[in-house]
Amino acid sequence: TLSYHIFPCLSSPDQRTAPQRHQPASKIVNLVPTDRSRGMNADYGAPTELAGPLQQRRALYQPRLPPCLQGATVRVEYGDATTTIDPTGAHAVAQAFPRTYGQRLVTFLAPDDTAGAGKAVDERPPIRVGVVFSGRQSPGGHNVVWGLHDALKAYNPHSILYGFIGGTEGLFANKTLEITDDVLASYKNQGGFDLLGRSIDQIRSSKQVSAAMTTCQNLNLDGLVIVGGVTSNSDAAQLAETLVQKNCKTKVVGVPVSLNGDLKNQFVETTVGFDTVCKVNSQLISNVCLDAISAGKYYYFVRLMGRKASHVALECALQSHPNMLIMGEEVALSKLTLMEVINKICDGVQARAELGKHHGVLLIPEGLIESIPEMYALIQEISILHNNNVPVTEIPTQVSPWAAALFQFLPPFIRRELLLHQESDNSAQLSQVCDSRCS
């Protein structure tokens, strides 16, 4: 296992040691995004100037397509019926998705020269598709829209792609932007979701599902593409089931775009954006490692995005070789307490000090605090009180005695952050809980 161990590596702060004359200090490097969406009234879709040469060169790059997607049409091959990875959950999934569960798997292949070759482009019916960003912004989101637009226009130039402005709130309110070549020009190969924006990131309640279906019907959409992570694709599956039950012609497609890397199986190699995020973060961490070597007296605590999963932190550790990585999954599996995690870090710092090394780099996943069993129980109690509309000022007095004791043990700034209102998926705002501050 990688956690709690010193990494010998060429790019590690261990490579050389300067004489130590001061006590080691610590610095915090937070690589977790905390910005919020701009709302539906922002100037989305407006052309932006690509200021730097890197952005301009990036916009000229043409992504490679698999052979099956290089033409205007594809050949579809049907396989076995869909099932669950865990057979014990098949019955529950079949009950939750009676109309969509068990449908046959579909494989896209390059079209035959004879199949449909004689049909002119104008003879193919135009397609109307909507696309919405849902979930945390991730690299590659704009290229999904770009590829979708080019494929629709290649199939029939009269096809239309609508982008819903402001995320799922724009979907509910039927606030659209028609995606054209001019709109896409300054967003190709660029990061973020600022072409359309994002908002509450959920399509869950009956009111939300009904509003989404009404929008699809009003726009006469043949398809709706939801770009997002695990939660967004779960909502997409539920929306698809509802649309089939209501005899709505709109087909729902989920695209796994998530920096967390927690949505993959035998059909999905990895999520869109995960590789880019890991490489960019690894470069930044390597720079921090060099700074730690240069100063010789600092410990850097680098907090990485990724929600509860530690995939980003682990991949960055493999690429940048820090001195210590704390994996949330191992903490949860070992049922370590908060003090035990702290002692692990202290033991590592002490072991390095005995070797005359008073500097280092530690990687901490965003969801570490939720992986500690006692902290998870406290967060769950706070979540229940939030859902019951208990005022924030009264929550500390209404949790259980042991949870109250743990809550009072925490520093004041962490107490305030734990009491923040939940994310749109009813989870704690882990990105706002600064678990790596010293004071």
Protein backbone atom coordinates (compact mmCIF):
# COMPACT_ATOMS: atom_id res chain seq x y z
CA THR A 1 0.00 0.00 0.00
CA LEU A 2 1.13 3.54 -0.71
CA SER A 3 -0.38 5.33 2.24
CA TYR A 4 1.66 6.34 5.26
CA HIS A 5 4.94 5.42 3.59
CA ILE A 6 7.91 7.44 2.43
CA PHE A 7 8.33 7.35 -1.35
CA PRO A 8 11.89 7.00 -2.65
CA CYS A 9 11.92 8.79 -5.99
CA LEU A 10 13.95 10.98 -8.30
CA SER A 11 11.58 13.93 -8.00
CA SER A 12 11.04 13.54 -4.26
CA PRO A 13 12.12 16.11 -1.66
CA ASP A 14 14.27 13.29 -0.26
CA GLN A 15 16.76 13.54 -3.12
CA ARG A 16 19.03 15.93 -1.27
CA THR A 17 19.04 17.42 2.21
CA ALA A 18 20.25 20.87 3.23
CA PRO A 19 21.51 21.67 6.74
CA GLN A 20 18.61 22.40 9.06
CA ARG A 21 18.72 25.42 11.33
CA HIS A 22 15.04 26.08 11.99
CA GLN A 23 12.03 24.14 13.12
CA PRO A 24 9.93 22.90 10.17
CA ALA A 25 6.87 24.93 9.27
CA SER A 26 3.90 23.86 7.20
CA LYS A 27 2.12 25.29 4.19
CA ILE A 28 -1.22 24.46 2.66
CA VAL A 29 -1.72 23.97 -1.06
CA ASN A 30 -5.40 23.55 -1.92
CA LEU A 31 -6.08 22.06 -5.35
CA VAL A 32 -9.82 21.73 -4.71
CA PRO A 33 -12.05 24.09 -6.71
CA THR A 34 -14.51 26.09 -4.65
CA ASP A 35 -16.05 28.43 -7.23
CA ARG A 36 -19.77 28.39 -7.84
CA SER A 37 -21.77 28.68 -11.04
CA ARG A 38 -22.59 32.07 -12.57
CA GLY A 39 -26.34 31.51 -12.84
CA MET A 40 -28.60 31.48 -15.87
CA ASN A 41 -28.30 35.21 -16.53
CA ALA A 42 -24.58 35.16 -17.32
CA ASP A 43 -23.39 35.83 -20.86
CA TYR A 44 -22.94 32.19 -21.81
CA GLY A 45 -21.97 31.24 -25.34
CA ALA A 46 -20.46 34.64 -26.11
CA PRO A 47 -17.22 34.47 -28.11
CA THR A 48 -14.17 34.87 -25.92
CA GLU A 49 -10.70 35.97 -26.89
CA LEU A 50 -8.02 33.31 -26.64
CA ALA A 51 -5.42 35.55 -25.05
CA GLY A 52 -2.37 33.33 -24.78
CA PRO A 53 -0.49 31.41 -27.47
CA LEU A 54 -1.08 28.16 -25.58
CA GLN A 55 -4.85 28.59 -25.77
CA GLN A 56 -4.63 29.50 -29.44
CA ARG A 57 -2.51 26.45 -30.24
CA ARG A 58 -4.81 24.25 -28.18
CA ALA A 59 -7.86 25.44 -30.12
CA LEU A 60 -6.26 24.22 -33.37
CA TYR A 61 -5.84 20.64 -32.15
CA GLN A 62 -8.07 18.06 -33.84
CA PRO A 63 -8.90 15.14 -31.51
CA ARG A 64 -8.59 11.69 -33.01
CA LEU A 65 -11.80 9.73 -33.47
CA PRO A 66 -12.21 5.94 -33.41
CA PRO A 67 -12.94 4.45 -36.85
CA CYS A 68 -16.60 3.85 -36.02
CA LEU A 69 -17.19 7.57 -35.46
CA GLN A 70 -15.25 8.97 -38.39
CA GLY A 71 -18.17 8.79 -40.82
CA ALA A 72 -21.61 10.35 -40.93
CA THR A 73 -23.27 7.10 -39.83
CA VAL A 74 -22.42 4.13 -37.63
CA ARG A 75 -23.27 0.46 -37.70
CA VAL A 76 -24.99 -0.88 -34.60
CA GLU A 77 -24.44 -4.38 -33.27
CA TYR A 78 -26.64 -5.72 -30.48
CA GLY A 79 -25.25 -7.99 -27.79
CA ASP A 80 -26.48 -9.66 -24.62
CA ALA A 81 -29.03 -8.17 -22.28
CA THR A 82 -27.74 -5.72 -19.68
CA THR A 83 -27.31 -6.96 -16.14
CA THR A 84 -25.68 -5.90 -12.88
CA ILE A 85 -22.11 -6.60 -11.84
CA ASP A 86 -23.37 -7.89 -8.50
CA PRO A 87 -26.07 -10.54 -9.15
CA THR A 88 -27.54 -9.99 -5.69
CA GLY A 89 -28.64 -6.51 -6.72
CA ALA A 90 -30.24 -7.51 -10.01
CA HIS A 91 -33.75 -7.82 -8.57
CA ALA A 92 -33.66 -4.38 -6.93
CA VAL A 93 -32.33 -2.73 -10.09
CA ALA A 94 -34.93 -4.49 -12.24
CA GLN A 95 -37.67 -3.19 -9.96
CA ALA A 96 -36.30 0.36 -10.08
CA PHE A 97 -35.86 0.34 -13.87
CA PRO A 98 -38.51 -2.06 -15.24
CA ARG A 99 -38.54 -0.55 -18.75
CA THR A 100 -34.84 0.06 -19.36
CA TYR A 101 -33.14 -2.72 -17.37
CA GLY A 102 -32.36 -5.81 -19.43
CA GLN A 103 -32.14 -4.06 -22.78
CA ARG A 104 -29.46 -5.40 -25.08
CA LEU A 105 -25.98 -3.94 -25.10
CA VAL A 106 -25.12 -1.86 -28.14
CA THR A 107 -21.73 -1.73 -29.87
CA PHE A 108 -20.86 0.89 -32.47
CA LEU A 109 -18.89 -0.29 -35.49
CA ALA A 110 -17.63 1.35 -38.66
CA PRO A 111 -20.40 1.28 -41.30
CA ASP A 112 -20.30 -1.22 -44.15
CA ASP A 113 -19.67 0.15 -47.61
CA THR A 114 -23.00 -1.24 -48.73
CA ALA A 115 -25.19 -0.47 -45.71
CA GLY A 116 -26.89 2.86 -46.29
CA ALA A 117 -24.21 4.06 -48.68
CA GLY A 118 -26.75 5.02 -51.30
CA LYS A 119 -28.77 7.30 -49.02
CA ALA A 120 -27.94 10.97 -49.58
CA VAL A 121 -27.27 13.27 -46.64
CA ASP A 122 -30.40 15.30 -47.35
CA GLU A 123 -32.52 12.15 -47.24
CA ARG A 124 -31.58 11.50 -43.63
CA PRO A 125 -34.06 13.11 -41.24
CA PRO A 126 -32.65 16.03 -39.22
CA ILE A 127 -32.12 15.33 -35.53
CA ARG A 128 -32.89 17.66 -32.62
CA VAL A 129 -30.71 17.11 -29.55
CA GLY A 130 -30.21 18.97 -26.28
CA VAL A 131 -27.08 18.92 -24.12
CA VAL A 132 -26.71 19.99 -20.50
CA PHE A 133 -23.72 20.20 -18.16
CA SER A 134 -24.38 18.59 -14.79
CA GLY A 135 -21.82 18.02 -12.08
CA ARG A 136 -18.46 19.51 -11.20
CA GLN A 137 -16.65 21.11 -14.14
CA SER A 138 -14.06 18.86 -15.72
CA PRO A 139 -11.67 18.99 -18.68
CA GLY A 140 -13.18 17.71 -21.91
CA GLY A 141 -16.73 18.93 -21.39
CA HIS A 142 -16.57 21.43 -24.23
CA ASN A 143 -15.18 18.80 -26.58
CA VAL A 144 -18.21 16.61 -25.91
CA VAL A 145 -20.40 19.44 -27.20
CA TRP A 146 -18.05 20.01 -30.13
CA GLY A 147 -18.07 16.36 -31.17
CA LEU A 148 -21.83 16.12 -30.78
CA HIS A 149 -22.34 19.21 -32.94
CA ASP A 150 -20.04 17.97 -35.72
CA ALA A 151 -21.65 14.52 -35.74
CA LEU A 152 -25.17 15.95 -36.02
CA LYS A 153 -24.19 18.30 -38.84
CA ALA A 154 -22.40 15.50 -40.70
CA TYR A 155 -25.51 13.35 -40.46
CA ASN A 156 -27.77 16.15 -41.69
CA PRO A 157 -26.81 19.85 -41.95
CA HIS A 158 -30.30 20.79 -40.77
CA SER A 159 -29.90 18.98 -37.44
CA ILE A 160 -30.02 21.24 -34.38
CA LEU A 161 -28.09 21.07 -31.12
CA TYR A 162 -29.46 23.04 -28.17
CA GLY A 163 -27.34 23.80 -25.13
CA PHE A 164 -29.20 24.41 -21.88
CA ILE A 165 -27.87 27.54 -20.19
CA GLY A 166 -27.08 27.33 -16.49
CA GLY A 167 -27.07 23.55 -16.17
CA THR A 168 -30.13 21.64 -15.07
CA GLU A 169 -31.90 24.83 -14.00
CA GLY A 170 -31.74 25.91 -17.64
CA LEU A 171 -33.15 22.52 -18.62
CA PHE A 172 -36.12 22.95 -16.29
CA ALA A 173 -36.73 26.53 -17.46
CA ASN A 174 -36.22 25.71 -21.17
CA LYS A 175 -33.47 28.32 -21.45
CA THR A 176 -31.46 27.32 -24.50
CA LEU A 177 -28.63 28.39 -26.75
CA GLU A 178 -28.34 26.95 -30.25
CA ILE A 179 -24.84 25.56 -30.68
CA THR A 180 -23.21 26.73 -33.92
CA ASP A 181 -19.70 26.82 -35.36
CA ASP A 182 -19.35 30.45 -34.29
CA VAL A 183 -20.37 29.62 -30.72
CA LEU A 184 -17.90 26.75 -30.48
CA ALA A 185 -14.97 28.56 -32.10
CA SER A 186 -13.41 29.86 -28.88
CA TYR A 187 -14.30 26.86 -26.69
CA LYS A 188 -12.70 23.99 -28.60
CA ASN A 189 -10.20 22.05 -26.48
CA GLN A 190 -10.69 24.55 -23.63
CA GLY A 191 -11.37 23.52 -20.05
CA GLY A 192 -14.31 24.31 -17.81
CA PHE A 193 -18.05 24.35 -18.41
CA ASP A 194 -18.32 28.08 -19.11
CA LEU A 195 -19.86 27.61 -22.57
CA LEU A 196 -23.19 26.76 -20.92
CA GLY A 197 -22.50 26.74 -17.18
CA ARG A 198 -23.89 24.49 -14.48
CA SER A 199 -26.17 24.88 -11.47
CA ILE A 200 -27.87 22.56 -8.98
CA ASP A 201 -26.67 19.41 -10.74
CA GLN A 202 -29.64 17.17 -10.12
CA ILE A 203 -32.75 15.85 -11.86
CA ARG A 204 -34.28 13.96 -8.99
CA SER A 205 -37.61 15.16 -7.64
CA SER A 206 -40.85 14.48 -9.47
CA LYS A 207 -41.17 18.20 -10.17
CA GLN A 208 -37.70 18.35 -11.71
CA VAL A 209 -38.27 15.23 -13.83
CA SER A 210 -41.61 16.60 -15.01
CA ALA A 211 -40.02 19.94 -15.95
CA ALA A 212 -37.24 18.19 -17.86
CA MET A 213 -39.77 16.06 -19.77
CA THR A 214 -41.87 19.12 -20.59
CA THR A 215 -38.81 20.87 -22.03
CA CYS A 216 -37.95 17.83 -24.15
CA GLN A 217 -41.49 17.72 -25.50
CA ASN A 218 -41.69 21.47 -26.17
CA LEU A 219 -38.43 21.39 -28.12
CA ASN A 220 -39.38 18.13 -29.84
CA LEU A 221 -36.02 16.65 -28.89
CA ASP A 222 -34.92 13.31 -30.28
CA GLY A 223 -32.20 13.06 -27.67
CA LEU A 224 -30.96 14.64 -24.44
CA VAL A 225 -27.26 14.36 -23.54
CA ILE A 226 -26.38 14.80 -19.85
CA VAL A 227 -22.69 15.48 -19.26
CA GLY A 228 -21.55 14.69 -15.72
CA GLY A 229 -20.31 12.22 -13.15
CA VAL A 230 -21.80 9.43 -11.06
CA THR A 231 -24.76 11.36 -9.65
CA SER A 232 -25.58 12.97 -12.99
CA ASN A 233 -25.54 9.65 -14.82
CA SER A 234 -27.71 8.09 -12.13
CA ASP A 235 -30.21 10.90 -12.64
CA ALA A 236 -29.95 10.36 -16.41
CA ALA A 237 -30.85 6.69 -15.97
CA GLN A 238 -33.88 7.58 -13.85
CA LEU A 239 -34.98 10.25 -16.33
CA ALA A 240 -34.66 7.78 -19.21
CA GLU A 241 -36.85 5.30 -17.35
CA THR A 242 -39.49 7.96 -16.73
CA LEU A 243 -39.52 9.15 -20.35
CA VAL A 244 -40.03 5.58 -21.57
CA GLN A 245 -42.91 5.10 -19.14
CA LYS A 246 -44.50 8.37 -20.33
CA ASN A 247 -44.05 7.43 -24.02
CA CYS A 248 -41.81 10.45 -24.63
CA LYS A 249 -39.68 9.96 -27.74
CA THR A 250 -36.59 11.68 -26.29
CA LYS A 251 -33.68 9.30 -25.73
CA VAL A 252 -31.43 10.13 -22.76
CA VAL A 253 -27.66 9.61 -23.03
CA GLY A 254 -25.21 10.04 -20.16
CA VAL A 255 -21.59 10.98 -20.86
CA PRO A 256 -19.12 10.16 -18.03
CA VAL A 257 -17.28 13.47 -17.66
CA SER A 258 -15.81 13.68 -14.17
CA LEU A 259 -12.40 14.51 -12.76
CA ASN A 260 -12.97 12.08 -9.86
CA GLY A 261 -12.30 8.95 -11.94
CA ASP A 262 -14.92 7.03 -9.97
CA LEU A 263 -17.18 6.00 -12.85
CA LYS A 264 -15.57 3.15 -14.77
CA ASN A 265 -16.13 -0.50 -15.51
CA GLN A 266 -15.47 -3.00 -18.28
CA PHE A 267 -17.17 -0.64 -20.74
CA VAL A 268 -15.73 2.69 -19.53
CA GLU A 269 -11.94 2.84 -19.40
CA THR A 270 -11.98 6.07 -17.41
CA THR A 271 -13.99 9.25 -17.14
CA VAL A 272 -13.39 12.23 -19.41
CA GLY A 273 -11.08 14.71 -17.69
CA PHE A 274 -9.48 12.39 -15.13
CA ASP A 275 -6.19 11.99 -17.00
CA THR A 276 -5.80 15.72 -17.63
CA VAL A 277 -6.53 16.63 -14.01
CA CYS A 278 -4.01 14.10 -12.72
CA LYS A 279 -1.25 15.28 -15.06
CA VAL A 280 -1.81 18.97 -14.32
CA ASN A 281 -1.94 18.37 -10.56
CA SER A 282 1.14 16.14 -10.69
CA GLN A 283 3.09 18.92 -12.36
CA LEU A 284 2.04 21.37 -9.65
CA ILE A 285 2.89 18.87 -6.90
CA SER A 286 6.32 18.29 -8.44
CA ASN A 287 6.94 22.04 -8.32
CA VAL A 288 5.95 22.01 -4.65
CA CYS A 289 8.38 19.13 -4.05
CA LEU A 290 11.21 21.19 -5.51
CA ASP A 291 10.24 24.14 -3.33
CA ALA A 292 10.30 21.89 -0.27
CA ILE A 293 13.81 20.76 -1.17
CA SER A 294 14.96 24.32 -1.76
CA ALA A 295 13.68 25.71 1.54
CA GLY A 296 14.50 22.62 3.53
CA LYS A 297 12.22 23.55 6.42
CA TYR A 298 8.61 23.36 5.19
CA TYR A 299 5.98 20.65 5.10
CA TYR A 300 3.39 21.09 2.37
CA PHE A 301 -0.07 19.58 2.77
CA VAL A 302 -1.54 19.32 -0.73
CA ARG A 303 -5.28 18.71 -0.77
CA LEU A 304 -6.59 17.17 -3.97
CA MET A 305 -10.05 17.12 -5.49
CA GLY A 306 -11.91 13.87 -6.04
CA ARG A 307 -14.78 13.81 -3.54
CA LYS A 308 -14.84 10.65 -1.42
CA ALA A 309 -12.74 8.59 -3.85
CA SER A 310 -8.94 8.91 -3.65
CA HIS A 311 -8.29 8.07 -7.31
CA VAL A 312 -6.88 11.50 -8.17
CA ALA A 313 -4.67 11.57 -5.08
CA LEU A 314 -3.35 8.06 -5.76
CA GLU A 315 -2.59 8.73 -9.43
CA CYS A 316 -0.85 12.00 -8.57
CA ALA A 317 1.21 10.19 -5.92
CA LEU A 318 2.32 7.63 -8.50
CA GLN A 319 3.37 10.40 -10.88
CA SER A 320 4.94 12.93 -8.48
CA HIS A 321 6.22 10.73 -5.61
CA PRO A 322 5.43 12.79 -2.48
CA ASN A 323 6.59 11.73 0.96
CA MET A 324 3.20 10.60 2.19
CA LEU A 325 -0.26 9.88 0.81
CA ILE A 326 -3.29 9.27 3.00
CA MET A 327 -5.89 7.23 1.14
CA GLY A 328 -9.47 7.67 2.27
CA GLU A 329 -10.37 4.11 1.30
CA GLU A 330 -7.68 2.66 3.56
CA VAL A 331 -8.73 4.91 6.43
CA ALA A 332 -12.32 3.71 6.06
CA LEU A 333 -11.31 0.05 5.68
CA SER A 334 -9.03 0.19 8.73
CA LYS A 335 -11.64 2.18 10.70
CA LEU A 336 -9.01 4.66 11.84
CA THR A 337 -10.05 7.41 14.22
CA LEU A 338 -9.19 11.06 13.73
CA MET A 339 -6.39 10.87 16.30
CA GLU A 340 -4.95 7.76 14.67
CA VAL A 341 -4.76 9.55 11.32
CA ILE A 342 -3.07 12.51 13.01
CA ASN A 343 -0.61 10.17 14.74
CA LYS A 344 0.23 8.50 11.41
CA ILE A 345 1.19 11.88 9.99
CA CYS A 346 3.18 12.80 13.09
CA ASP A 347 5.02 9.47 13.00
CA GLY A 348 6.04 10.13 9.41
CA VAL A 349 7.28 13.63 10.23
CA GLN A 350 9.21 12.31 13.25
CA ALA A 351 10.79 9.50 11.22
CA ARG A 352 12.03 12.00 8.66
CA ALA A 353 13.32 14.32 11.37
CA GLU A 354 15.41 11.48 12.79
CA LEU A 355 17.02 11.26 9.35
CA GLY A 356 17.77 14.98 9.43
CA LYS A 357 15.00 15.86 6.99
CA HIS A 358 12.69 18.60 8.17
CA HIS A 359 10.71 19.07 4.98
CA GLY A 360 8.23 17.07 2.96
CA VAL A 361 5.06 16.91 0.90
CA LEU A 362 1.85 15.16 1.98
CA LEU A 363 -1.14 14.48 -0.27
CA ILE A 364 -4.63 14.52 1.24
CA PRO A 365 -7.74 13.56 -0.75
CA GLU A 366 -10.72 15.90 -0.63
CA GLY A 367 -12.98 13.30 0.97
CA LEU A 368 -10.60 12.16 3.72
CA ILE A 369 -12.69 13.72 6.47
CA GLU A 370 -15.73 11.71 5.34
CA SER A 371 -13.69 8.48 5.30
CA ILE A 372 -13.00 8.66 9.04
CA PRO A 373 -15.87 6.65 10.62
CA GLU A 374 -16.47 8.97 13.57
CA MET A 375 -16.40 12.05 11.33
CA TYR A 376 -18.73 10.37 8.84
CA ALA A 377 -21.23 9.66 11.62
CA LEU A 378 -21.05 13.30 12.76
CA ILE A 379 -21.59 14.54 9.19
CA GLN A 380 -24.58 12.22 8.80
CA GLU A 381 -26.19 13.56 11.99
CA ILE A 382 -25.68 17.13 10.80
CA SER A 383 -27.15 16.18 7.41
CA ILE A 384 -30.29 14.75 9.02
CA LEU A 385 -30.77 17.92 11.05
CA HIS A 386 -30.28 20.03 7.92
CA ASN A 387 -32.95 17.99 6.13
CA ASN A 388 -35.30 18.54 9.08
CA ASN A 389 -34.81 22.32 8.70
CA VAL A 390 -33.14 22.71 12.08
CA PRO A 391 -31.48 26.15 12.33
CA VAL A 392 -27.71 26.06 12.00
CA THR A 393 -27.26 27.68 15.39
CA GLU A 394 -29.18 24.85 17.08
CA ILE A 395 -27.52 21.90 15.32
CA PRO A 396 -24.56 21.58 17.76
CA THR A 397 -26.99 21.16 20.67
CA GLN A 398 -29.17 18.53 18.96
CA VAL A 399 -26.57 15.98 17.89
CA SER A 400 -25.89 12.92 20.03
CA PRO A 401 -23.59 13.30 23.07
CA TRP A 402 -20.60 11.57 21.49
CA ALA A 403 -21.06 13.56 18.27
CA ALA A 404 -21.27 16.76 20.31
CA ALA A 405 -18.01 15.88 22.08
CA LEU A 406 -16.26 15.30 18.75
CA PHE A 407 -17.74 18.50 17.35
CA GLN A 408 -16.43 20.54 20.28
CA PHE A 409 -13.00 18.92 19.89
CA LEU A 410 -12.66 20.33 16.37
CA PRO A 411 -11.21 23.80 15.70
CA PRO A 412 -13.79 26.59 15.35
CA PHE A 413 -13.19 27.08 11.62
CA ILE A 414 -13.89 23.40 10.90
CA ARG A 415 -17.06 23.54 13.00
CA ARG A 416 -18.33 26.43 10.88
CA GLU A 417 -17.47 24.61 7.67
CA LEU A 418 -19.22 21.40 8.75
CA LEU A 419 -22.41 23.38 9.36
CA LEU A 420 -22.52 24.74 5.81
CA HIS A 421 -25.58 23.82 3.78
CA GLN A 422 -25.29 20.63 1.77
CA GLU A 423 -24.40 20.20 -1.89
CA SER A 424 -27.14 19.62 -4.45
CA ASP A 425 -26.70 15.85 -4.03
CA ASN A 426 -27.30 16.16 -0.25
CA SER A 427 -23.65 15.53 0.57
CA ALA A 428 -21.44 17.68 2.77
CA GLN A 429 -19.45 20.46 1.15
CA LEU A 430 -16.16 18.60 1.48
CA SER A 431 -14.34 21.13 -0.68
CA GLN A 432 -15.15 23.81 1.92
CA VAL A 433 -13.91 21.79 4.92
CA CYS A 434 -10.25 22.72 5.23
CA ASP A 435 -8.96 19.60 6.97
CA SER A 436 -5.31 20.51 6.39
CA ARG A 437 -5.10 23.85 8.23
CA CYS A 438 -3.06 24.05 11.37
CA SER A 439 -4.89 26.93 13.01
